[in-house]
Amino acid sequence: MTGTDDLDKQVERQARRMQQAERERPTLFGQTVYIGTLGLLFVLPVIGGAYLGQWLDSLSEGYSIRWTIGLIIAGIVVGGLNAYLFIREQP
């Protein structure tokens, strides 16, 4: 009889897990907010780097895009790190 008791306990435990997962399933609004936040965490450093780089390039004489390109690349790295840490933090 212990074999059927163990099976019953396993089935009950799995049923409780499935019910809990169903209750904790994220809503469409929650998923939209999550994706939007993730996008902002990535895009804002890139845009900030582009604007700051363009401003620094405008201060120098002649045609230069060194600061712009460099800070865009730095923004991509920082944005990627932000997104990675945000995803890793979520349960």
PDB file of N, CA and C in Angstrom:
ATOM      1  N   MET A   1       0.804  -1.204   0.000  1.00  0.00           N
ATOM      2  CA  MET A   1       0.000   0.000   0.000  1.00  0.00           C
ATOM      3  C   MET A   1       0.850   1.274   0.000  1.00  0.00           C
ATOM      4  N   THR A   2       2.107   1.192   0.351  1.00  0.00           N
ATOM      5  CA  THR A   2       2.934   2.403   0.383  1.00  0.00           C
ATOM      6  C   THR A   2       3.178   2.948  -1.013  1.00  0.00           C
ATOM      7  N   GLY A   3       3.172   2.076  -2.009  1.00  0.00           N
ATOM      8  CA  GLY A   3       3.377   2.534  -3.380  1.00  0.00           C
ATOM      9  C   GLY A   3       2.241   3.428  -3.838  1.00  0.00           C
ATOM     10  N   THR A   4       1.017   3.068  -3.531  1.00  0.00           N
ATOM     11  CA  THR A   4      -0.124   3.904  -3.926  1.00  0.00           C
ATOM     12  C   THR A   4      -0.191   5.172  -3.083  1.00  0.00           C
ATOM     13  N   ASP A   5       0.225   5.090  -1.815  1.00  0.00           N
ATOM     14  CA  ASP A   5       0.249   6.288  -0.972  1.00  0.00           C
ATOM     15  C   ASP A   5       1.256   7.299  -1.510  1.00  0.00           C
ATOM     16  N   ASP A   6       2.417   6.810  -1.911  1.00  0.00           N
ATOM     17  CA  ASP A   6       3.433   7.701  -2.475  1.00  0.00           C
ATOM     18  C   ASP A   6       2.938   8.326  -3.774  1.00  0.00           C
ATOM     19  N   LEU A   7       2.294   7.528  -4.596  1.00  0.00           N
ATOM     20  CA  LEU A   7       1.762   8.033  -5.855  1.00  0.00           C
ATOM     21  C   LEU A   7       0.690   9.092  -5.599  1.00  0.00           C
ATOM     22  N   ASP A   8      -0.191   8.837  -4.639  1.00  0.00           N
ATOM     23  CA  ASP A   8      -1.228   9.820  -4.301  1.00  0.00           C
ATOM     24  C   ASP A   8      -0.607  11.138  -3.826  1.00  0.00           C
ATOM     25  N   LYS A   9       0.437  11.050  -3.009  1.00  0.00           N
ATOM     26  CA  LYS A   9       1.091  12.260  -2.506  1.00  0.00           C
ATOM     27  C   LYS A   9       1.746  13.039  -3.642  1.00  0.00           C
ATOM     28  N   GLN A  10       2.382  12.321  -4.563  1.00  0.00           N
ATOM     29  CA  GLN A  10       3.013  12.985  -5.700  1.00  0.00           C
ATOM     30  C   GLN A  10       1.985  13.686  -6.581  1.00  0.00           C
ATOM     31  N   VAL A  11       0.871  13.012  -6.831  1.00  0.00           N
ATOM     32  CA  VAL A  11      -0.177  13.599  -7.666  1.00  0.00           C
ATOM     33  C   VAL A  11      -0.759  14.835  -6.988  1.00  0.00           C
ATOM     34  N   GLU A  12      -0.996  14.762  -5.690  1.00  0.00           N
ATOM     35  CA  GLU A  12      -1.537  15.908  -4.954  1.00  0.00           C
ATOM     36  C   GLU A  12      -0.543  17.081  -4.975  1.00  0.00           C
ATOM     37  N   ARG A  13       0.728  16.778  -4.782  1.00  0.00           N
ATOM     38  CA  ARG A  13       1.751  17.832  -4.788  1.00  0.00           C
ATOM     39  C   ARG A  13       1.832  18.494  -6.162  1.00  0.00           C
ATOM     40  N   GLN A  14       1.796  17.699  -7.232  1.00  0.00           N
ATOM     41  CA  GLN A  14       1.848  18.263  -8.577  1.00  0.00           C
ATOM     42  C   GLN A  14       0.594  19.069  -8.893  1.00  0.00           C
ATOM     43  N   ALA A  15      -0.561  18.616  -8.400  1.00  0.00           N
ATOM     44  CA  ALA A  15      -1.799  19.373  -8.618  1.00  0.00           C
ATOM     45  C   ALA A  15      -1.733  20.722  -7.907  1.00  0.00           C
ATOM     46  N   ARG A  16      -1.198  20.748  -6.690  1.00  0.00           N
ATOM     47  CA  ARG A  16      -1.045  22.021  -5.965  1.00  0.00           C
ATOM     48  C   ARG A  16      -0.081  22.951  -6.700  1.00  0.00           C
ATOM     49  N   ARG A  17       1.014  22.402  -7.223  1.00  0.00           N
ATOM     50  CA  ARG A  17       1.971  23.208  -7.988  1.00  0.00           C
ATOM     51  C   ARG A  17       1.321  23.812  -9.228  1.00  0.00           C
ATOM     52  N   MET A  18       0.528  23.015  -9.936  1.00  0.00           N
ATOM     53  CA  MET A  18      -0.141  23.507 -11.138  1.00  0.00           C
ATOM     54  C   MET A  18      -1.152  24.606 -10.794  1.00  0.00           C
ATOM     55  N   GLN A  19      -1.878  24.435  -9.700  1.00  0.00           N
ATOM     56  CA  GLN A  19      -2.832  25.461  -9.281  1.00  0.00           C
ATOM     57  C   GLN A  19      -2.116  26.745  -8.877  1.00  0.00           C
ATOM     58  N   GLN A  20      -1.008  26.620  -8.182  1.00  0.00           N
ATOM     59  CA  GLN A  20      -0.239  27.793  -7.777  1.00  0.00           C
ATOM     60  C   GLN A  20       0.335  28.505  -8.995  1.00  0.00           C
ATOM     61  N   ALA A  21       0.838  27.751  -9.957  1.00  0.00           N
ATOM     62  CA  ALA A  21       1.384  28.356 -11.173  1.00  0.00           C
ATOM     63  C   ALA A  21       0.288  29.083 -11.948  1.00  0.00           C
ATOM     64  N   GLU A  22      -0.900  28.534 -11.965  1.00  0.00           N
ATOM     65  CA  GLU A  22      -2.017  29.169 -12.654  1.00  0.00           C
ATOM     66  C   GLU A  22      -2.409  30.481 -11.976  1.00  0.00           C
ATOM     67  N   ARG A  23      -2.375  30.513 -10.655  1.00  0.00           N
ATOM     68  CA  ARG A  23      -2.711  31.730  -9.912  1.00  0.00           C
ATOM     69  C   ARG A  23      -1.650  32.804 -10.094  1.00  0.00           C
ATOM     70  N   GLU A  24      -0.387  32.422 -10.199  1.00  0.00           N
ATOM     71  CA  GLU A  24       0.713  33.374 -10.272  1.00  0.00           C
ATOM     72  C   GLU A  24       1.110  33.728 -11.696  1.00  0.00           C
ATOM     73  N   ARG A  25       0.362  33.295 -12.663  1.00  0.00           N
ATOM     74  CA  ARG A  25       0.680  33.588 -14.062  1.00  0.00           C
ATOM     75  C   ARG A  25       0.570  35.097 -14.302  1.00  0.00           C
ATOM     76  N   PRO A  26       1.582  35.692 -14.944  1.00  0.00           N
ATOM     77  CA  PRO A  26       1.546  37.138 -15.167  1.00  0.00           C
ATOM     78  C   PRO A  26       0.446  37.535 -16.153  1.00  0.00           C
ATOM     79  N   THR A  27      -0.112  38.713 -15.942  1.00  0.00           N
ATOM     80  CA  THR A  27      -1.158  39.221 -16.816  1.00  0.00           C
ATOM     81  C   THR A  27      -0.538  39.870 -18.051  1.00  0.00           C
ATOM     82  N   LEU A  28      -1.378  40.180 -19.017  1.00  0.00           N
ATOM     83  CA  LEU A  28      -0.906  40.847 -20.231  1.00  0.00           C
ATOM     84  C   LEU A  28      -0.334  42.223 -19.888  1.00  0.00           C
ATOM     85  N   PHE A  29      -0.999  42.940 -18.987  1.00  0.00           N
ATOM     86  CA  PHE A  29      -0.510  44.252 -18.579  1.00  0.00           C
ATOM     87  C   PHE A  29       0.850  44.128 -17.894  1.00  0.00           C
ATOM     88  N   GLY A  30       0.993  43.137 -17.031  1.00  0.00           N
ATOM     89  CA  GLY A  30       2.267  42.928 -16.339  1.00  0.00           C
ATOM     90  C   GLY A  30       3.391  42.598 -17.300  1.00  0.00           C
ATOM     91  N   GLN A  31       3.107  41.783 -18.290  1.00  0.00           N
ATOM     92  CA  GLN A  31       4.115  41.444 -19.290  1.00  0.00           C
ATOM     93  C   GLN A  31       4.469  42.653 -20.148  1.00  0.00           C
ATOM     94  N   THR A  32       3.485  43.487 -20.460  1.00  0.00           N
ATOM     95  CA  THR A  32       3.733  44.689 -21.246  1.00  0.00           C
ATOM     96  C   THR A  32       4.630  45.657 -20.486  1.00  0.00           C
ATOM     97  N   VAL A  33       4.357  45.831 -19.204  1.00  0.00           N
ATOM     98  CA  VAL A  33       5.179  46.712 -18.374  1.00  0.00           C
ATOM     99  C   VAL A  33       6.604  46.173 -18.285  1.00  0.00           C
ATOM    100  N   TYR A  34       6.741  44.866 -18.140  1.00  0.00           N
ATOM    101  CA  TYR A  34       8.056  44.235 -18.042  1.00  0.00           C
ATOM    102  C   TYR A  34       8.876  44.480 -19.313  1.00  0.00           C
ATOM    103  N   ILE A  35       8.270  44.245 -20.469  1.00  0.00           N
ATOM    104  CA  ILE A  35       8.966  44.431 -21.742  1.00  0.00           C
ATOM    105  C   ILE A  35       9.290  45.913 -21.963  1.00  0.00           C
ATOM    106  N   GLY A  36       8.363  46.802 -21.605  1.00  0.00           N
ATOM    107  CA  GLY A  36       8.611  48.229 -21.749  1.00  0.00           C
ATOM    108  C   GLY A  36       9.763  48.702 -20.876  1.00  0.00           C
ATOM    109  N   THR A  37       9.806  48.221 -19.652  1.00  0.00           N
ATOM    110  CA  THR A  37      10.893  48.572 -18.743  1.00  0.00           C
ATOM    111  C   THR A  37      12.217  48.044 -19.271  1.00  0.00           C
ATOM    112  N   LEU A  38      12.195  46.835 -19.761  1.00  0.00           N
ATOM    113  CA  LEU A  38      13.407  46.242 -20.323  1.00  0.00           C
ATOM    114  C   LEU A  38      13.911  47.060 -21.521  1.00  0.00           C
ATOM    115  N   GLY A  39      12.995  47.491 -22.373  1.00  0.00           N
ATOM    116  CA  GLY A  39      13.374  48.306 -23.520  1.00  0.00           C
ATOM    117  C   GLY A  39      13.982  49.642 -23.104  1.00  0.00           C
ATOM    118  N   LEU A  40      13.362  50.279 -22.125  1.00  0.00           N
ATOM    119  CA  LEU A  40      13.898  51.560 -21.652  1.00  0.00           C
ATOM    120  C   LEU A  40      15.264  51.396 -21.009  1.00  0.00           C
ATOM    121  N   LEU A  41      15.447  50.325 -20.264  1.00  0.00           N
ATOM    122  CA  LEU A  41      16.742  50.097 -19.630  1.00  0.00           C
ATOM    123  C   LEU A  41      17.852  49.931 -20.656  1.00  0.00           C
ATOM    124  N   PHE A  42      17.501  49.426 -21.825  1.00  0.00           N
ATOM    125  CA  PHE A  42      18.510  49.249 -22.866  1.00  0.00           C
ATOM    126  C   PHE A  42      18.680  50.510 -23.721  1.00  0.00           C
ATOM    127  N   VAL A  43      17.589  51.135 -24.102  1.00  0.00           N
ATOM    128  CA  VAL A  43      17.637  52.220 -25.080  1.00  0.00           C
ATOM    129  C   VAL A  43      18.120  53.544 -24.481  1.00  0.00           C
ATOM    130  N   LEU A  44      17.732  53.861 -23.256  1.00  0.00           N
ATOM    131  CA  LEU A  44      18.090  55.162 -22.690  1.00  0.00           C
ATOM    132  C   LEU A  44      19.597  55.408 -22.603  1.00  0.00           C
ATOM    133  N   PRO A  45      20.425  54.446 -22.174  1.00  0.00           N
ATOM    134  CA  PRO A  45      21.867  54.711 -22.191  1.00  0.00           C
ATOM    135  C   PRO A  45      22.432  54.929 -23.599  1.00  0.00           C
ATOM    136  N   VAL A  46      21.871  54.254 -24.584  1.00  0.00           N
ATOM    137  CA  VAL A  46      22.337  54.425 -25.965  1.00  0.00           C
ATOM    138  C   VAL A  46      21.995  55.832 -26.456  1.00  0.00           C
ATOM    139  N   ILE A  47      20.772  56.268 -26.218  1.00  0.00           N
ATOM    140  CA  ILE A  47      20.361  57.606 -26.646  1.00  0.00           C
ATOM    141  C   ILE A  47      21.143  58.668 -25.878  1.00  0.00           C
ATOM    142  N   GLY A  48      21.311  58.472 -24.586  1.00  0.00           N
ATOM    143  CA  GLY A  48      22.095  59.415 -23.788  1.00  0.00           C
ATOM    144  C   GLY A  48      23.523  59.515 -24.284  1.00  0.00           C
ATOM    145  N   GLY A  49      24.125  58.390 -24.618  1.00  0.00           N
ATOM    146  CA  GLY A  49      25.480  58.388 -25.155  1.00  0.00           C
ATOM    147  C   GLY A  49      25.563  59.095 -26.496  1.00  0.00           C
ATOM    148  N   ALA A  50      24.550  58.912 -27.332  1.00  0.00           N
ATOM    149  CA  ALA A  50      24.549  59.569 -28.644  1.00  0.00           C
ATOM    150  C   ALA A  50      24.453  61.084 -28.490  1.00  0.00           C
ATOM    151  N   TYR A  51      23.561  61.538 -27.627  1.00  0.00           N
ATOM    152  CA  TYR A  51      23.425  62.987 -27.429  1.00  0.00           C
ATOM    153  C   TYR A  51      24.663  63.595 -26.790  1.00  0.00           C
ATOM    154  N   LEU A  52      25.187  62.935 -25.776  1.00  0.00           N
ATOM    155  CA  LEU A  52      26.383  63.458 -25.119  1.00  0.00           C
ATOM    156  C   LEU A  52      27.572  63.461 -26.090  1.00  0.00           C
ATOM    157  N   GLY A  53      27.715  62.398 -26.862  1.00  0.00           N
ATOM    158  CA  GLY A  53      28.800  62.328 -27.844  1.00  0.00           C
ATOM    159  C   GLY A  53      28.672  63.387 -28.921  1.00  0.00           C
ATOM    160  N   GLN A  54      27.458  63.618 -29.388  1.00  0.00           N
ATOM    161  CA  GLN A  54      27.243  64.645 -30.408  1.00  0.00           C
ATOM    162  C   GLN A  54      27.579  66.023 -29.844  1.00  0.00           C
ATOM    163  N   TRP A  55      27.200  66.282 -28.599  1.00  0.00           N
ATOM    164  CA  TRP A  55      27.513  67.566 -27.972  1.00  0.00           C
ATOM    165  C   TRP A  55      29.031  67.743 -27.834  1.00  0.00           C
ATOM    166  N   LEU A  56      29.716  66.689 -27.383  1.00  0.00           N
ATOM    167  CA  LEU A  56      31.172  66.782 -27.246  1.00  0.00           C
ATOM    168  C   LEU A  56      31.853  66.965 -28.595  1.00  0.00           C
ATOM    169  N   ASP A  57      31.344  66.287 -29.633  1.00  0.00           N
ATOM    170  CA  ASP A  57      31.911  66.456 -30.973  1.00  0.00           C
ATOM    171  C   ASP A  57      31.670  67.866 -31.513  1.00  0.00           C
ATOM    172  N   SER A  58      30.549  68.468 -31.139  1.00  0.00           N
ATOM    173  CA  SER A  58      30.273  69.818 -31.633  1.00  0.00           C
ATOM    174  C   SER A  58      31.191  70.858 -30.992  1.00  0.00           C
ATOM    175  N   LEU A  59      31.762  70.535 -29.850  1.00  0.00           N
ATOM    176  CA  LEU A  59      32.675  71.458 -29.187  1.00  0.00           C
ATOM    177  C   LEU A  59      34.031  71.520 -29.888  1.00  0.00           C
ATOM    178  N   SER A  60      34.409  70.454 -30.578  1.00  0.00           N
ATOM    179  CA  SER A  60      35.709  70.435 -31.249  1.00  0.00           C
ATOM    180  C   SER A  60      35.581  71.044 -32.647  1.00  0.00           C
ATOM    181  N   GLU A  61      36.687  71.565 -33.136  1.00  0.00           N
ATOM    182  CA  GLU A  61      36.680  72.171 -34.462  1.00  0.00           C
ATOM    183  C   GLU A  61      36.783  71.088 -35.528  1.00  0.00           C
ATOM    184  N   GLY A  62      36.153  71.311 -36.636  1.00  0.00           N
ATOM    185  CA  GLY A  62      36.212  70.353 -37.735  1.00  0.00           C
ATOM    186  C   GLY A  62      35.159  69.261 -37.572  1.00  0.00           C
ATOM    187  N   TYR A  63      35.235  68.317 -38.476  1.00  0.00           N
ATOM    188  CA  TYR A  63      34.267  67.222 -38.490  1.00  0.00           C
ATOM    189  C   TYR A  63      34.800  66.058 -37.673  1.00  0.00           C
ATOM    190  N   SER A  64      34.045  65.652 -36.667  1.00  0.00           N
ATOM    191  CA  SER A  64      34.483  64.547 -35.826  1.00  0.00           C
ATOM    192  C   SER A  64      33.263  63.784 -35.329  1.00  0.00           C
ATOM    193  N   ILE A  65      33.372  62.464 -35.306  1.00  0.00           N
ATOM    194  CA  ILE A  65      32.303  61.650 -34.726  1.00  0.00           C
ATOM    195  C   ILE A  65      32.870  60.667 -33.702  1.00  0.00           C
ATOM    196  N   ARG A  66      34.099  60.919 -33.273  1.00  0.00           N
ATOM    197  CA  ARG A  66      34.745  59.999 -32.335  1.00  0.00           C
ATOM    198  C   ARG A  66      33.965  59.839 -31.038  1.00  0.00           C
ATOM    199  N   TRP A  67      33.600  60.960 -30.442  1.00  0.00           N
ATOM    200  CA  TRP A  67      32.867  60.876 -29.173  1.00  0.00           C
ATOM    201  C   TRP A  67      31.494  60.234 -29.362  1.00  0.00           C
ATOM    202  N   THR A  68      30.842  60.581 -30.440  1.00  0.00           N
ATOM    203  CA  THR A  68      29.501  60.039 -30.681  1.00  0.00           C
ATOM    204  C   THR A  68      29.545  58.520 -30.810  1.00  0.00           C
ATOM    205  N   ILE A  69      30.416  58.017 -31.647  1.00  0.00           N
ATOM    206  CA  ILE A  69      30.513  56.572 -31.850  1.00  0.00           C
ATOM    207  C   ILE A  69      30.950  55.877 -30.564  1.00  0.00           C
ATOM    208  N   GLY A  70      31.942  56.451 -29.910  1.00  0.00           N
ATOM    209  CA  GLY A  70      32.441  55.843 -28.672  1.00  0.00           C
ATOM    210  C   GLY A  70      31.386  55.781 -27.583  1.00  0.00           C
ATOM    211  N   LEU A  71      30.624  56.853 -27.430  1.00  0.00           N
ATOM    212  CA  LEU A  71      29.610  56.858 -26.375  1.00  0.00           C
ATOM    213  C   LEU A  71      28.368  56.053 -26.749  1.00  0.00           C
ATOM    214  N   ILE A  72      28.088  55.914 -28.041  1.00  0.00           N
ATOM    215  CA  ILE A  72      27.008  55.010 -28.444  1.00  0.00           C
ATOM    216  C   ILE A  72      27.388  53.570 -28.102  1.00  0.00           C
ATOM    217  N   ILE A  73      28.624  53.197 -28.384  1.00  0.00           N
ATOM    218  CA  ILE A  73      29.082  51.839 -28.049  1.00  0.00           C
ATOM    219  C   ILE A  73      29.066  51.633 -26.539  1.00  0.00           C
ATOM    220  N   ALA A  74      29.507  52.645 -25.794  1.00  0.00           N
ATOM    221  CA  ALA A  74      29.458  52.548 -24.333  1.00  0.00           C
ATOM    222  C   ALA A  74      28.011  52.429 -23.854  1.00  0.00           C
ATOM    223  N   GLY A  75      27.087  53.145 -24.495  1.00  0.00           N
ATOM    224  CA  GLY A  75      25.666  53.048 -24.146  1.00  0.00           C
ATOM    225  C   GLY A  75      25.100  51.674 -24.418  1.00  0.00           C
ATOM    226  N   ILE A  76      25.542  51.049 -25.510  1.00  0.00           N
ATOM    227  CA  ILE A  76      25.092  49.681 -25.813  1.00  0.00           C
ATOM    228  C   ILE A  76      25.571  48.718 -24.732  1.00  0.00           C
ATOM    229  N   VAL A  77      26.814  48.875 -24.309  1.00  0.00           N
ATOM    230  CA  VAL A  77      27.355  48.004 -23.265  1.00  0.00           C
ATOM    231  C   VAL A  77      26.600  48.216 -21.951  1.00  0.00           C
ATOM    232  N   VAL A  78      26.418  49.476 -21.576  1.00  0.00           N
ATOM    233  CA  VAL A  78      25.715  49.774 -20.321  1.00  0.00           C
ATOM    234  C   VAL A  78      24.257  49.309 -20.401  1.00  0.00           C
ATOM    235  N   GLY A  79      23.605  49.540 -21.529  1.00  0.00           N
ATOM    236  CA  GLY A  79      22.223  49.094 -21.704  1.00  0.00           C
ATOM    237  C   GLY A  79      22.102  47.582 -21.659  1.00  0.00           C
ATOM    238  N   GLY A  80      23.032  46.890 -22.284  1.00  0.00           N
ATOM    239  CA  GLY A  80      23.024  45.425 -22.223  1.00  0.00           C
ATOM    240  C   GLY A  80      23.224  44.912 -20.814  1.00  0.00           C
ATOM    241  N   LEU A  81      24.118  45.546 -20.080  1.00  0.00           N
ATOM    242  CA  LEU A  81      24.344  45.162 -18.692  1.00  0.00           C
ATOM    243  C   LEU A  81      23.105  45.440 -17.848  1.00  0.00           C
ATOM    244  N   ASN A  82      22.462  46.595 -18.062  1.00  0.00           N
ATOM    245  CA  ASN A  82      21.216  46.906 -17.352  1.00  0.00           C
ATOM    246  C   ASN A  82      20.148  45.847 -17.613  1.00  0.00           C
ATOM    247  N   ALA A  83      19.967  45.499 -18.882  1.00  0.00           N
ATOM    248  CA  ALA A  83      18.952  44.515 -19.246  1.00  0.00           C
ATOM    249  C   ALA A  83      19.278  43.156 -18.643  1.00  0.00           C
ATOM    250  N   TYR A  84      20.539  42.755 -18.700  1.00  0.00           N
ATOM    251  CA  TYR A  84      20.948  41.472 -18.128  1.00  0.00           C
ATOM    252  C   TYR A  84      20.660  41.431 -16.623  1.00  0.00           C
ATOM    253  N   LEU A  85      21.036  42.471 -15.915  1.00  0.00           N
ATOM    254  CA  LEU A  85      20.816  42.495 -14.466  1.00  0.00           C
ATOM    255  C   LEU A  85      19.333  42.532 -14.134  1.00  0.00           C
ATOM    256  N   PHE A  86      18.535  43.225 -14.939  1.00  0.00           N
ATOM    257  CA  PHE A  86      17.098  43.289 -14.704  1.00  0.00           C
ATOM    258  C   PHE A  86      16.464  41.923 -14.908  1.00  0.00           C
ATOM    259  N   ILE A  87      16.843  41.226 -15.965  1.00  0.00           N
ATOM    260  CA  ILE A  87      16.281  39.898 -16.235  1.00  0.00           C
ATOM    261  C   ILE A  87      16.713  38.914 -15.154  1.00  0.00           C
ATOM    262  N   ARG A  88      17.955  39.007 -14.760  1.00  0.00           N
ATOM    263  CA  ARG A  88      18.487  38.081 -13.736  1.00  0.00           C
ATOM    264  C   ARG A  88      17.819  38.294 -12.388  1.00  0.00           C
ATOM    265  N   GLU A  89      17.388  39.511 -12.089  1.00  0.00           N
ATOM    266  CA  GLU A  89      16.767  39.830 -10.811  1.00  0.00           C
ATOM    267  C   GLU A  89      15.354  39.290 -10.689  1.00  0.00           C
ATOM    268  N   GLN A  90      14.681  39.111 -11.820  1.00  0.00           N
ATOM    269  CA  GLN A  90      13.283  38.670 -11.805  1.00  0.00           C
ATOM    270  C   GLN A  90      13.195  37.198 -11.400  1.00  0.00           C
ATOM    271  N   PRO A  91      12.125  36.871 -10.644  1.00  0.00           N
ATOM    272  CA  PRO A  91      11.955  35.463 -10.203  1.00  0.00           C
ATOM    273  C   PRO A  91      11.579  34.537 -11.323  1.00  0.00           C
TER     274      PRO A  91
END
